[in-house]
């Protein structure tokens, strides 16, 4: 007789809902997941991951609780740093233009600046760090459609993975492989300073969770079929 399939227990089941939501979207690497406990505050979890060299998971944790503008600034600084690394590939004129366009959106986050950053990022290449930052800028807006049409919001939660990817990819731009780890750790420290300015981990998580719930409601409202009950 074939034994019934056993369902693996959910390692996040014991967490409070906001923390469970965050860790689900962060998708910690398997070694990092071993340190997740319901009695461990996010601040302690981040510190543990950094100490245990689970830095990619820590980077995603940071990106998961940042507001879009702050996270784009973090990614932009990382992408710009990648163009200045000794021994790295020289940035193209298109990359320089995209860096400047994203900076304009950070300073003045209106729709014209958002679309200009997107255009510049496409020209630089969406597979480059600054191109990915430009995509994060575009997806931080109210609509992914033309400005002349009714707004269609981007799917909720698309910006944090892009930002985490930019930070990780920017660190990997080091010509010296031994500098990748220290650079990524330095980027993580910079991200942690943003969390502190947001009022700490608990405040950042509460705000991120609330923003996400509002975004889900709005996205479902706009994209719901007119015939759906």
Protein backbone atom coordinates (compact mmCIF):
# COMPACT_ATOMS: atom_id res chain seq x y z
CA UNK A 1 0.00 0.00 0.00
CA UNK A 2 1.36 3.39 -0.95
CA UNK A 3 1.84 5.70 2.00
CA UNK A 4 0.11 9.08 1.67
CA UNK A 5 2.33 12.01 0.85
CA UNK A 6 3.36 13.93 3.95
CA UNK A 7 3.13 17.72 3.79
CA UNK A 8 6.25 19.49 5.01
CA UNK A 9 5.51 21.87 7.89
CA UNK A 10 5.49 25.55 7.04
CA UNK A 11 8.65 26.99 8.64
CA UNK A 12 7.00 30.42 8.79
CA UNK A 13 3.69 29.30 10.29
CA UNK A 14 4.55 30.46 13.82
CA UNK A 15 5.44 34.00 12.77
CA UNK A 16 3.12 36.97 13.20
CA UNK A 17 1.31 37.81 9.95
CA UNK A 18 3.39 40.86 8.93
CA UNK A 19 6.66 38.99 9.55
CA UNK A 20 5.35 35.92 7.74
CA UNK A 21 4.33 38.09 4.78
CA UNK A 22 7.77 39.68 4.69
CA UNK A 23 9.74 36.44 4.95
CA UNK A 24 7.56 34.87 2.27
CA UNK A 25 8.40 37.65 -0.16
CA UNK A 26 12.06 37.66 0.90
CA UNK A 27 12.37 33.91 0.18
CA UNK A 28 15.47 33.36 2.36
CA UNK A 29 18.09 30.98 1.06
CA UNK A 30 17.92 27.56 2.74
CA UNK A 31 20.88 28.16 5.11
CA UNK A 32 19.37 31.53 6.12
CA UNK A 33 15.98 29.96 6.78
CA UNK A 34 17.54 27.82 9.51
CA UNK A 35 17.94 30.96 11.65
CA UNK A 36 14.29 32.09 11.38
CA UNK A 37 12.47 31.81 14.72
CA UNK A 38 9.28 33.45 16.01
CA UNK A 39 11.14 34.83 19.04
CA UNK A 40 13.80 36.49 16.88
CA UNK A 41 13.10 40.14 16.04
CA UNK A 42 13.83 41.33 12.51
CA UNK A 43 16.77 43.35 13.78
CA UNK A 44 18.25 40.23 15.36
CA UNK A 45 17.53 38.15 12.27
CA UNK A 46 19.29 40.67 10.04
CA UNK A 47 22.30 40.76 12.36
CA UNK A 48 22.41 36.97 12.49
CA UNK A 49 22.27 36.65 8.73
CA UNK A 50 25.08 39.16 8.33
CA UNK A 51 27.22 37.36 10.93
CA UNK A 52 26.54 34.00 9.30
CA UNK A 53 27.38 35.32 5.82
CA UNK A 54 23.81 35.04 4.58
CA UNK A 55 24.15 38.48 3.01
CA UNK A 56 21.96 37.96 -0.11
CA UNK A 57 19.01 37.06 2.14
CA UNK A 58 19.80 40.08 4.34
CA UNK A 59 19.80 42.33 1.26
CA UNK A 60 16.36 41.04 0.27
CA UNK A 61 15.12 41.60 3.82
CA UNK A 62 16.19 45.24 3.64
CA UNK A 63 14.59 45.76 0.23
CA UNK A 64 11.38 44.11 1.43
CA UNK A 65 10.56 46.80 3.99
CA UNK A 66 11.76 49.95 2.25
CA UNK A 67 9.38 52.41 0.57
CA UNK A 68 9.93 52.65 -3.18
CA UNK A 69 11.75 55.98 -3.23
CA UNK A 70 14.19 55.03 -0.47
CA UNK A 71 14.83 51.64 -2.03
CA UNK A 72 15.43 53.18 -5.45
CA UNK A 73 17.91 55.62 -3.91
CA UNK A 74 19.75 52.68 -2.30
CA UNK A 75 19.82 50.77 -5.58
CA UNK A 76 20.87 53.89 -7.50
CA UNK A 77 23.82 54.52 -5.17
CA UNK A 78 24.88 50.89 -5.58
CA UNK A 79 24.55 50.99 -9.37
CA UNK A 80 26.46 54.27 -9.58
CA UNK A 81 29.20 52.80 -7.37
CA UNK A 82 29.47 49.86 -9.77
CA UNK A 83 30.45 52.27 -12.57
CA UNK A 84 33.29 53.63 -10.43
CA UNK A 85 34.92 50.38 -9.34
CA UNK A 86 38.60 50.04 -10.17
CA UNK A 87 39.08 47.49 -12.90
CA UNK A 88 35.40 47.37 -13.79
CA UNK A 89 33.95 47.92 -17.23
CA UNK A 90 33.80 51.57 -18.22
CA UNK A 91 30.21 52.86 -18.15
CA UNK A 92 28.64 53.80 -21.46
CA UNK A 93 27.23 57.21 -22.27
CA UNK A 94 23.76 55.64 -22.06
CA UNK A 95 24.52 54.38 -18.53
CA UNK A 96 25.61 57.86 -17.46
CA UNK A 97 22.39 59.30 -18.90
CA UNK A 98 20.31 56.71 -17.05
CA UNK A 99 22.11 57.45 -13.78
CA UNK A 100 21.28 61.13 -14.22
CA UNK A 101 17.65 60.39 -15.16
CA UNK A 102 17.09 58.23 -12.07
CA UNK A 103 18.64 60.93 -9.91
CA UNK A 104 16.16 63.43 -11.33
CA UNK A 105 13.28 61.15 -10.34
CA UNK A 106 14.68 60.76 -6.82
CA UNK A 107 14.85 64.55 -6.50
CA UNK A 108 11.48 65.14 -8.19
CA UNK A 109 9.43 61.93 -8.32
CA UNK A 110 6.77 63.05 -10.79
CA UNK A 111 5.44 61.11 -13.76
CA UNK A 112 7.53 62.90 -16.38
CA UNK A 113 10.74 62.08 -14.50
CA UNK A 114 9.57 58.50 -14.01
CA UNK A 115 8.99 57.95 -17.71
CA UNK A 116 12.26 59.69 -18.62
CA UNK A 117 14.14 57.35 -16.28
CA UNK A 118 12.43 54.36 -17.90
CA UNK A 119 13.39 55.50 -21.39
CA UNK A 120 16.99 56.13 -20.33
CA UNK A 121 17.17 52.75 -18.60
CA UNK A 122 15.96 50.97 -21.73
CA UNK A 123 18.67 52.69 -23.72
CA UNK A 124 21.31 51.64 -21.18
CA UNK A 125 20.02 48.06 -21.12
CA UNK A 126 17.57 46.55 -18.67
CA UNK A 127 20.10 43.80 -17.91
CA UNK A 128 22.48 46.35 -16.36
CA UNK A 129 22.30 47.57 -12.76
CA UNK A 130 21.22 51.08 -13.73
CA UNK A 131 18.73 49.71 -16.24
CA UNK A 132 17.20 47.61 -13.48
CA UNK A 133 17.02 50.69 -11.24
CA UNK A 134 15.19 52.49 -14.03
CA UNK A 135 12.70 49.63 -14.19
CA UNK A 136 12.19 49.91 -10.42
CA UNK A 137 11.51 53.63 -10.86
CA UNK A 138 8.92 52.95 -13.56
CA UNK A 139 7.21 50.24 -11.51
CA UNK A 140 7.03 52.62 -8.53
CA UNK A 141 4.46 54.74 -10.33
CA UNK A 142 0.69 54.70 -10.44
CA UNK A 143 0.41 53.13 -13.88
CA UNK A 144 2.37 50.98 -16.30
CA UNK A 145 0.30 52.19 -19.24
CA UNK A 146 0.49 55.33 -21.37
CA UNK A 147 -0.40 58.52 -19.56
CA UNK A 148 -3.29 59.10 -21.96
CA UNK A 149 -5.11 55.93 -20.83
CA UNK A 150 -6.77 54.99 -17.52
CA UNK A 151 -4.27 53.98 -14.87
CA UNK A 152 -3.20 50.34 -14.63
CA UNK A 153 -1.10 49.92 -11.47
CA UNK A 154 1.93 47.63 -11.48
CA UNK A 155 1.53 44.29 -9.69
CA UNK A 156 2.12 44.78 -5.95
CA UNK A 157 5.53 43.72 -4.70
CA UNK A 158 7.51 43.96 -7.94
CA UNK A 159 9.99 46.62 -6.83
CA UNK A 160 11.81 44.92 -3.88
CA UNK A 161 13.18 41.97 -5.92
CA UNK A 162 14.48 44.38 -8.53
CA UNK A 163 16.18 46.54 -5.91
CA UNK A 164 17.77 43.54 -4.18
CA UNK A 165 18.95 42.30 -7.57
CA UNK A 166 20.55 45.64 -8.39
CA UNK A 167 22.44 45.79 -5.10
CA UNK A 168 23.71 42.22 -5.50
CA UNK A 169 24.64 42.67 -9.15
CA UNK A 170 26.38 45.97 -8.46
CA UNK A 171 28.61 44.33 -5.84
CA UNK A 172 29.46 41.57 -8.31
CA UNK A 173 30.80 44.19 -10.74
CA UNK A 174 34.09 44.16 -8.79
CA UNK A 175 36.96 43.00 -10.98
CA UNK A 176 38.55 41.46 -7.86
CA UNK A 177 36.34 38.59 -6.71
CA UNK A 178 37.64 38.96 -3.16
CA UNK A 179 36.03 42.42 -2.96
CA UNK A 180 32.52 41.25 -3.86
CA UNK A 181 31.67 40.10 -0.34
CA UNK A 182 32.96 43.22 1.44
CA UNK A 183 31.22 45.47 -1.10
CA UNK A 184 27.91 43.66 -0.61
CA UNK A 185 28.33 43.97 3.17
CA UNK A 186 28.98 47.71 2.77
CA UNK A 187 25.82 48.05 0.66
CA UNK A 188 23.88 46.17 3.36
CA UNK A 189 25.22 48.56 6.01
CA UNK A 190 24.02 51.47 3.90
CA UNK A 191 20.59 49.88 3.61
CA UNK A 192 20.47 49.39 7.37
CA UNK A 193 21.00 53.13 7.85
CA UNK A 194 17.87 53.72 5.77
CA UNK A 195 15.90 51.37 8.03
CA UNK A 196 17.10 53.30 11.05
CA UNK A 197 15.94 56.58 9.50
CA UNK A 198 12.54 54.98 8.90
CA UNK A 199 12.21 54.42 12.65
CA UNK A 200 13.65 50.92 12.91
CA UNK A 201 12.65 47.48 11.72
CA UNK A 202 9.25 47.27 13.41
CA UNK A 203 8.10 50.64 12.07
CA UNK A 204 9.44 49.86 8.59
CA UNK A 205 7.69 46.48 8.54
CA UNK A 206 4.36 47.87 9.73
CA UNK A 207 4.47 50.58 7.07
CA UNK A 208 5.53 48.17 4.30
CA UNK A 209 2.78 45.69 5.20
CA UNK A 210 0.13 48.42 5.19
CA UNK A 211 1.33 49.81 1.85
CA UNK A 212 1.24 46.36 0.32
CA UNK A 213 -2.31 45.67 1.51
CA UNK A 214 -3.50 48.97 0.04
CA UNK A 215 -1.70 48.22 -3.23
CA UNK A 216 -3.32 44.78 -3.45
CA UNK A 217 -6.80 46.23 -2.94
CA UNK A 218 -6.21 48.90 -5.59
CA UNK A 219 -4.67 46.46 -8.06
CA UNK A 220 -7.59 44.04 -7.69
CA UNK A 221 -10.07 46.88 -8.05
CA UNK A 222 -8.55 48.16 -11.27
CA UNK A 223 -7.80 44.80 -12.88
CA UNK A 224 -11.03 43.04 -11.86
CA UNK A 225 -13.09 41.93 -14.85
CA UNK A 226 -16.28 43.99 -15.29
CA UNK A 227 -18.23 40.73 -15.44
CA UNK A 228 -16.70 39.31 -12.23
CA UNK A 229 -19.05 39.04 -9.29
